[in-house]
């Protein structure tokens, strides 16, 4: 069974930075692409970034491009999201997600992800 646990969320002022982590357990981690998603109150869940299993391919939504960086450490079984120049509109619950085993390619399509974490709250004050 795969388990994903996010951490690193919190309250930060606009312009600040946070680094989210997602610790994965289960043997499918290193053989699958992963992604970060977020959901603000009253809004639908949206994709933030995705990364291939090797880490060589990354994609970002236009709203975070140039400010956020997704990365992964397959030895530590951990996914990261470095968030810089944070804005109040980045406030949301952030979720990490994992594709099925051997689905190696990064994708921004949420339905391609079958394992999800519980989420971590990020609040950016103005």
Foldseek 3Di string as FASTA:
>chain_A
DKAKAKDFADEEAAQAKIKMKIAMDDDQLLQWKKFKWWDDPPGDIFTAKIAFSVRPDMDGDPVQPPFKDWGDDVVRRMIMIIGGRDDQVVWTWMKMFIAGRNHGDIDRDPVRTDDIHPTDTHGYHD
